[in-house]
Amino acid sequence: MDVDSMKIEAVIEKINMLYNKSKEEELTTEEKEFQQKLKKRYIDNVKRNFRGQLEGIELKKKK
């Protein structure tokens, strides 16, 4: 599954599913790698959104 083409909602759902599964049983190596890719995609999305918000801020001079 291509993580980069997934909607962020699906990424979050898969992260949560793998987390819950890891609490019940050991994840396979493939699942752990997939989980890391999902987490990276999520964090990159948060950073991109945060950067966008910061770029939209204009500083005003005090009078």
PDB file of N, CA and C in Angstrom:
ATOM      1  N   MET A   1       0.848  -1.177   0.000  1.00  0.00           N
ATOM      2  CA  MET A   1       0.000   0.000   0.000  1.00  0.00           C
ATOM      3  C   MET A   1       0.892   1.239   0.000  1.00  0.00           C
ATOM      4  N   ASP A   2       0.577   2.203  -0.861  1.00  0.00           N
ATOM      5  CA  ASP A   2       1.364   3.422  -0.979  1.00  0.00           C
ATOM      6  C   ASP A   2       0.889   4.446   0.050  1.00  0.00           C
ATOM      7  N   VAL A   3       1.714   4.693   1.031  1.00  0.00           N
ATOM      8  CA  VAL A   3       1.363   5.592   2.133  1.00  0.00           C
ATOM      9  C   VAL A   3       1.178   7.023   1.636  1.00  0.00           C
ATOM     10  N   ASP A   4       1.993   7.443   0.675  1.00  0.00           N
ATOM     11  CA  ASP A   4       1.940   8.825   0.196  1.00  0.00           C
ATOM     12  C   ASP A   4       0.630   9.175  -0.497  1.00  0.00           C
ATOM     13  N   SER A   5      -0.041   8.200  -1.076  1.00  0.00           N
ATOM     14  CA  SER A   5      -1.291   8.479  -1.779  1.00  0.00           C
ATOM     15  C   SER A   5      -2.523   8.320  -0.881  1.00  0.00           C
ATOM     16  N   MET A   6      -2.314   7.894   0.365  1.00  0.00           N
ATOM     17  CA  MET A   6      -3.434   7.694   1.288  1.00  0.00           C
ATOM     18  C   MET A   6      -3.927   9.031   1.834  1.00  0.00           C
ATOM     19  N   LYS A   7      -5.234   9.129   2.052  1.00  0.00           N
ATOM     20  CA  LYS A   7      -5.778  10.305   2.729  1.00  0.00           C
ATOM     21  C   LYS A   7      -5.340  10.257   4.181  1.00  0.00           C
ATOM     22  N   ILE A   8      -5.195  11.432   4.785  1.00  0.00           N
ATOM     23  CA  ILE A   8      -4.673  11.502   6.152  1.00  0.00           C
ATOM     24  C   ILE A   8      -5.595  10.785   7.135  1.00  0.00           C
ATOM     25  N   GLU A   9      -6.896  10.781   6.868  1.00  0.00           N
ATOM     26  CA  GLU A   9      -7.831  10.074   7.744  1.00  0.00           C
ATOM     27  C   GLU A   9      -7.545   8.574   7.739  1.00  0.00           C
ATOM     28  N   ALA A  10      -7.226   8.045   6.563  1.00  0.00           N
ATOM     29  CA  ALA A  10      -6.898   6.622   6.450  1.00  0.00           C
ATOM     30  C   ALA A  10      -5.571   6.317   7.135  1.00  0.00           C
ATOM     31  N   VAL A  11      -4.632   7.253   7.046  1.00  0.00           N
ATOM     32  CA  VAL A  11      -3.338   7.086   7.716  1.00  0.00           C
ATOM     33  C   VAL A  11      -3.549   6.989   9.221  1.00  0.00           C
ATOM     34  N   ILE A  12      -4.336   7.895   9.769  1.00  0.00           N
ATOM     35  CA  ILE A  12      -4.610   7.901  11.211  1.00  0.00           C
ATOM     36  C   ILE A  12      -5.311   6.608  11.626  1.00  0.00           C
ATOM     37  N   GLU A  13      -6.266   6.175  10.821  1.00  0.00           N
ATOM     38  CA  GLU A  13      -6.995   4.939  11.126  1.00  0.00           C
ATOM     39  C   GLU A  13      -6.048   3.735  11.164  1.00  0.00           C
ATOM     40  N   LYS A  14      -5.137   3.650  10.201  1.00  0.00           N
ATOM     41  CA  LYS A  14      -4.177   2.538  10.158  1.00  0.00           C
ATOM     42  C   LYS A  14      -3.195   2.612  11.323  1.00  0.00           C
ATOM     43  N   ILE A  15      -2.742   3.827  11.668  1.00  0.00           N
ATOM     44  CA  ILE A  15      -1.837   3.991  12.811  1.00  0.00           C
ATOM     45  C   ILE A  15      -2.509   3.459  14.070  1.00  0.00           C
ATOM     46  N   ASN A  16      -3.748   3.858  14.283  1.00  0.00           N
ATOM     47  CA  ASN A  16      -4.485   3.418  15.471  1.00  0.00           C
ATOM     48  C   ASN A  16      -4.724   1.910  15.466  1.00  0.00           C
ATOM     49  N   MET A  17      -5.044   1.360  14.300  1.00  0.00           N
ATOM     50  CA  MET A  17      -5.283  -0.077  14.187  1.00  0.00           C
ATOM     51  C   MET A  17      -4.013  -0.858  14.542  1.00  0.00           C
ATOM     52  N   LEU A  18      -2.874  -0.425  14.001  1.00  0.00           N
ATOM     53  CA  LEU A  18      -1.617  -1.117  14.286  1.00  0.00           C
ATOM     54  C   LEU A  18      -1.206  -0.941  15.749  1.00  0.00           C
ATOM     55  N   TYR A  19      -1.478   0.228  16.312  1.00  0.00           N
ATOM     56  CA  TYR A  19      -1.169   0.446  17.727  1.00  0.00           C
ATOM     57  C   TYR A  19      -1.979  -0.512  18.601  1.00  0.00           C
ATOM     58  N   ASN A  20      -3.271  -0.596  18.325  1.00  0.00           N
ATOM     59  CA  ASN A  20      -4.124  -1.497  19.114  1.00  0.00           C
ATOM     60  C   ASN A  20      -3.706  -2.951  18.944  1.00  0.00           C
ATOM     61  N   LYS A  21      -3.343  -3.322  17.737  1.00  0.00           N
ATOM     62  CA  LYS A  21      -2.885  -4.688  17.490  1.00  0.00           C
ATOM     63  C   LYS A  21      -1.591  -4.962  18.254  1.00  0.00           C
ATOM     64  N   SER A  22      -0.694  -3.966  18.311  1.00  0.00           N
ATOM     65  CA  SER A  22       0.592  -4.153  19.002  1.00  0.00           C
ATOM     66  C   SER A  22       0.409  -4.334  20.508  1.00  0.00           C
ATOM     67  N   LYS A  23      -0.693  -3.811  21.044  1.00  0.00           N
ATOM     68  CA  LYS A  23      -0.970  -4.000  22.468  1.00  0.00           C
ATOM     69  C   LYS A  23      -1.399  -5.435  22.756  1.00  0.00           C
ATOM     70  N   GLU A  24      -1.987  -6.097  21.763  1.00  0.00           N
ATOM     71  CA  GLU A  24      -2.489  -7.459  21.931  1.00  0.00           C
ATOM     72  C   GLU A  24      -1.467  -8.521  21.547  1.00  0.00           C
ATOM     73  N   GLU A  25      -0.677  -8.231  20.519  1.00  0.00           N
ATOM     74  CA  GLU A  25       0.304  -9.206  20.029  1.00  0.00           C
ATOM     75  C   GLU A  25       1.474  -8.476  19.375  1.00  0.00           C
ATOM     76  N   GLU A  26       2.531  -9.200  19.154  1.00  0.00           N
ATOM     77  CA  GLU A  26       3.726  -8.651  18.514  1.00  0.00           C
ATOM     78  C   GLU A  26       3.449  -8.395  17.032  1.00  0.00           C
ATOM     79  N   LEU A  27       3.830  -7.198  16.559  1.00  0.00           N
ATOM     80  CA  LEU A  27       3.690  -6.901  15.139  1.00  0.00           C
ATOM     81  C   LEU A  27       4.804  -7.589  14.355  1.00  0.00           C
ATOM     82  N   THR A  28       4.498  -7.928  13.118  1.00  0.00           N
ATOM     83  CA  THR A  28       5.530  -8.500  12.253  1.00  0.00           C
ATOM     84  C   THR A  28       6.487  -7.389  11.833  1.00  0.00           C
ATOM     85  N   THR A  29       7.606  -7.761  11.287  1.00  0.00           N
ATOM     86  CA  THR A  29       8.581  -6.780  10.807  1.00  0.00           C
ATOM     87  C   THR A  29       7.954  -5.879   9.748  1.00  0.00           C
ATOM     88  N   GLU A  30       7.179  -6.465   8.847  1.00  0.00           N
ATOM     89  CA  GLU A  30       6.518  -5.690   7.796  1.00  0.00           C
ATOM     90  C   GLU A  30       5.526  -4.695   8.389  1.00  0.00           C
ATOM     91  N   GLU A  31       4.784  -5.127   9.400  1.00  0.00           N
ATOM     92  CA  GLU A  31       3.818  -4.231  10.043  1.00  0.00           C
ATOM     93  C   GLU A  31       4.525  -3.093  10.765  1.00  0.00           C
ATOM     94  N   LYS A  32       5.642  -3.391  11.408  1.00  0.00           N
ATOM     95  CA  LYS A  32       6.407  -2.348  12.095  1.00  0.00           C
ATOM     96  C   LYS A  32       6.948  -1.325  11.102  1.00  0.00           C
ATOM     97  N   GLU A  33       7.447  -1.806   9.960  1.00  0.00           N
ATOM     98  CA  GLU A  33       7.953  -0.899   8.928  1.00  0.00           C
ATOM     99  C   GLU A  33       6.825  -0.041   8.367  1.00  0.00           C
ATOM    100  N   PHE A  34       5.673  -0.656   8.127  1.00  0.00           N
ATOM    101  CA  PHE A  34       4.514   0.071   7.621  1.00  0.00           C
ATOM    102  C   PHE A  34       4.058   1.112   8.641  1.00  0.00           C
ATOM    103  N   GLN A  35       4.067   0.749   9.915  1.00  0.00           N
ATOM    104  CA  GLN A  35       3.687   1.667  10.982  1.00  0.00           C
ATOM    105  C   GLN A  35       4.613   2.884  10.997  1.00  0.00           C
ATOM    106  N   GLN A  36       5.908   2.662  10.818  1.00  0.00           N
ATOM    107  CA  GLN A  36       6.863   3.767  10.793  1.00  0.00           C
ATOM    108  C   GLN A  36       6.617   4.686   9.597  1.00  0.00           C
ATOM    109  N   LYS A  37       6.303   4.114   8.445  1.00  0.00           N
ATOM    110  CA  LYS A  37       5.997   4.922   7.259  1.00  0.00           C
ATOM    111  C   LYS A  37       4.746   5.760   7.489  1.00  0.00           C
ATOM    112  N   LEU A  38       3.740   5.150   8.118  1.00  0.00           N
ATOM    113  CA  LEU A  38       2.502   5.874   8.415  1.00  0.00           C
ATOM    114  C   LEU A  38       2.765   7.033   9.375  1.00  0.00           C
ATOM    115  N   LYS A  39       3.550   6.772  10.415  1.00  0.00           N
ATOM    116  CA  LYS A  39       3.861   7.819  11.391  1.00  0.00           C
ATOM    117  C   LYS A  39       4.620   8.962  10.736  1.00  0.00           C
ATOM    118  N   LYS A  40       5.574   8.636   9.852  1.00  0.00           N
ATOM    119  CA  LYS A  40       6.338   9.667   9.152  1.00  0.00           C
ATOM    120  C   LYS A  40       5.414  10.507   8.278  1.00  0.00           C
ATOM    121  N   ARG A  41       4.493   9.860   7.575  1.00  0.00           N
ATOM    122  CA  ARG A  41       3.535  10.569   6.719  1.00  0.00           C
ATOM    123  C   ARG A  41       2.672  11.505   7.552  1.00  0.00           C
ATOM    124  N   TYR A  42       2.219  11.044   8.712  1.00  0.00           N
ATOM    125  CA  TYR A  42       1.387  11.860   9.593  1.00  0.00           C
ATOM    126  C   TYR A  42       2.166  13.067  10.112  1.00  0.00           C
ATOM    127  N   ILE A  43       3.382  12.839  10.588  1.00  0.00           N
ATOM    128  CA  ILE A  43       4.201  13.924  11.128  1.00  0.00           C
ATOM    129  C   ILE A  43       4.542  14.939  10.038  1.00  0.00           C
ATOM    130  N   ASP A  44       4.867  14.465   8.841  1.00  0.00           N
ATOM    131  CA  ASP A  44       5.147  15.374   7.726  1.00  0.00           C
ATOM    132  C   ASP A  44       3.931  16.232   7.410  1.00  0.00           C
ATOM    133  N   ASN A  45       2.747  15.653   7.494  1.00  0.00           N
ATOM    134  CA  ASN A  45       1.516  16.396   7.251  1.00  0.00           C
ATOM    135  C   ASN A  45       1.304  17.473   8.316  1.00  0.00           C
ATOM    136  N   VAL A  46       1.545  17.140   9.569  1.00  0.00           N
ATOM    137  CA  VAL A  46       1.404  18.108  10.661  1.00  0.00           C
ATOM    138  C   VAL A  46       2.389  19.259  10.459  1.00  0.00           C
ATOM    139  N   LYS A  47       3.632  18.935  10.124  1.00  0.00           N
ATOM    140  CA  LYS A  47       4.649  19.970   9.895  1.00  0.00           C
ATOM    141  C   LYS A  47       4.250  20.889   8.744  1.00  0.00           C
ATOM    142  N   ARG A  48       3.765  20.308   7.649  1.00  0.00           N
ATOM    143  CA  ARG A  48       3.365  21.094   6.483  1.00  0.00           C
ATOM    144  C   ARG A  48       2.213  22.041   6.842  1.00  0.00           C
ATOM    145  N   ASN A  49       1.233  21.540   7.570  1.00  0.00           N
ATOM    146  CA  ASN A  49       0.109  22.377   7.985  1.00  0.00           C
ATOM    147  C   ASN A  49       0.557  23.488   8.924  1.00  0.00           C
ATOM    148  N   PHE A  50       1.453  23.165   9.846  1.00  0.00           N
ATOM    149  CA  PHE A  50       1.947  24.151  10.801  1.00  0.00           C
ATOM    150  C   PHE A  50       2.729  25.245  10.072  1.00  0.00           C
ATOM    151  N   ARG A  51       3.591  24.836   9.123  1.00  0.00           N
ATOM    152  CA  ARG A  51       4.347  25.808   8.329  1.00  0.00           C
ATOM    153  C   ARG A  51       3.410  26.738   7.578  1.00  0.00           C
ATOM    154  N   GLY A  52       2.357  26.173   7.010  1.00  0.00           N
ATOM    155  CA  GLY A  52       1.379  26.969   6.282  1.00  0.00           C
ATOM    156  C   GLY A  52       0.704  27.992   7.176  1.00  0.00           C
ATOM    157  N   GLN A  53       0.402  27.595   8.404  1.00  0.00           N
ATOM    158  CA  GLN A  53      -0.206  28.532   9.348  1.00  0.00           C
ATOM    159  C   GLN A  53       0.774  29.632   9.729  1.00  0.00           C
ATOM    160  N   LEU A  54       2.028  29.266   9.963  1.00  0.00           N
ATOM    161  CA  LEU A  54       3.031  30.265  10.332  1.00  0.00           C
ATOM    162  C   LEU A  54       3.279  31.253   9.199  1.00  0.00           C
ATOM    163  N   GLU A  55       3.283  30.769   7.971  1.00  0.00           N
ATOM    164  CA  GLU A  55       3.507  31.650   6.830  1.00  0.00           C
ATOM    165  C   GLU A  55       2.356  32.629   6.643  1.00  0.00           C
ATOM    166  N   GLY A  56       1.185  32.298   7.132  1.00  0.00           N
ATOM    167  CA  GLY A  56       0.025  33.163   7.003  1.00  0.00           C
ATOM    168  C   GLY A  56      -0.063  34.233   8.081  1.00  0.00           C
ATOM    169  N   ILE A  57       0.842  34.190   9.049  1.00  0.00           N
ATOM    170  CA  ILE A  57       0.821  35.158  10.146  1.00  0.00           C
ATOM    171  C   ILE A  57       1.587  36.408   9.739  1.00  0.00           C
ATOM    172  N   GLU A  58       0.974  37.562   9.974  1.00  0.00           N
ATOM    173  CA  GLU A  58       1.644  38.831   9.711  1.00  0.00           C
ATOM    174  C   GLU A  58       1.873  39.535  11.038  1.00  0.00           C
ATOM    175  N   LEU A  59       3.085  40.011  11.227  1.00  0.00           N
ATOM    176  CA  LEU A  59       3.408  40.741  12.446  1.00  0.00           C
ATOM    177  C   LEU A  59       2.947  42.181  12.307  1.00  0.00           C
ATOM    178  N   LYS A  60       2.394  42.716  13.374  1.00  0.00           N
ATOM    179  CA  LYS A  60       1.955  44.109  13.383  1.00  0.00           C
ATOM    180  C   LYS A  60       2.840  44.884  14.340  1.00  0.00           C
ATOM    181  N   LYS A  61       3.197  46.092  13.936  1.00  0.00           N
ATOM    182  CA  LYS A  61       4.017  46.943  14.793  1.00  0.00           C
ATOM    183  C   LYS A  61       3.141  47.578  15.861  1.00  0.00           C
ATOM    184  N   LYS A  62       3.714  47.697  17.056  1.00  0.00           N
ATOM    185  CA  LYS A  62       3.003  48.385  18.128  1.00  0.00           C
ATOM    186  C   LYS A  62       3.074  49.877  17.863  1.00  0.00           C
ATOM    187  N   LYS A  63       2.012  50.578  18.203  1.00  0.00           N
ATOM    188  CA  LYS A  63       1.979  52.034  18.000  1.00  0.00           C
ATOM    189  C   LYS A  63       2.458  52.756  19.214  1.00  0.00           C
TER     190      LYS A  63
END
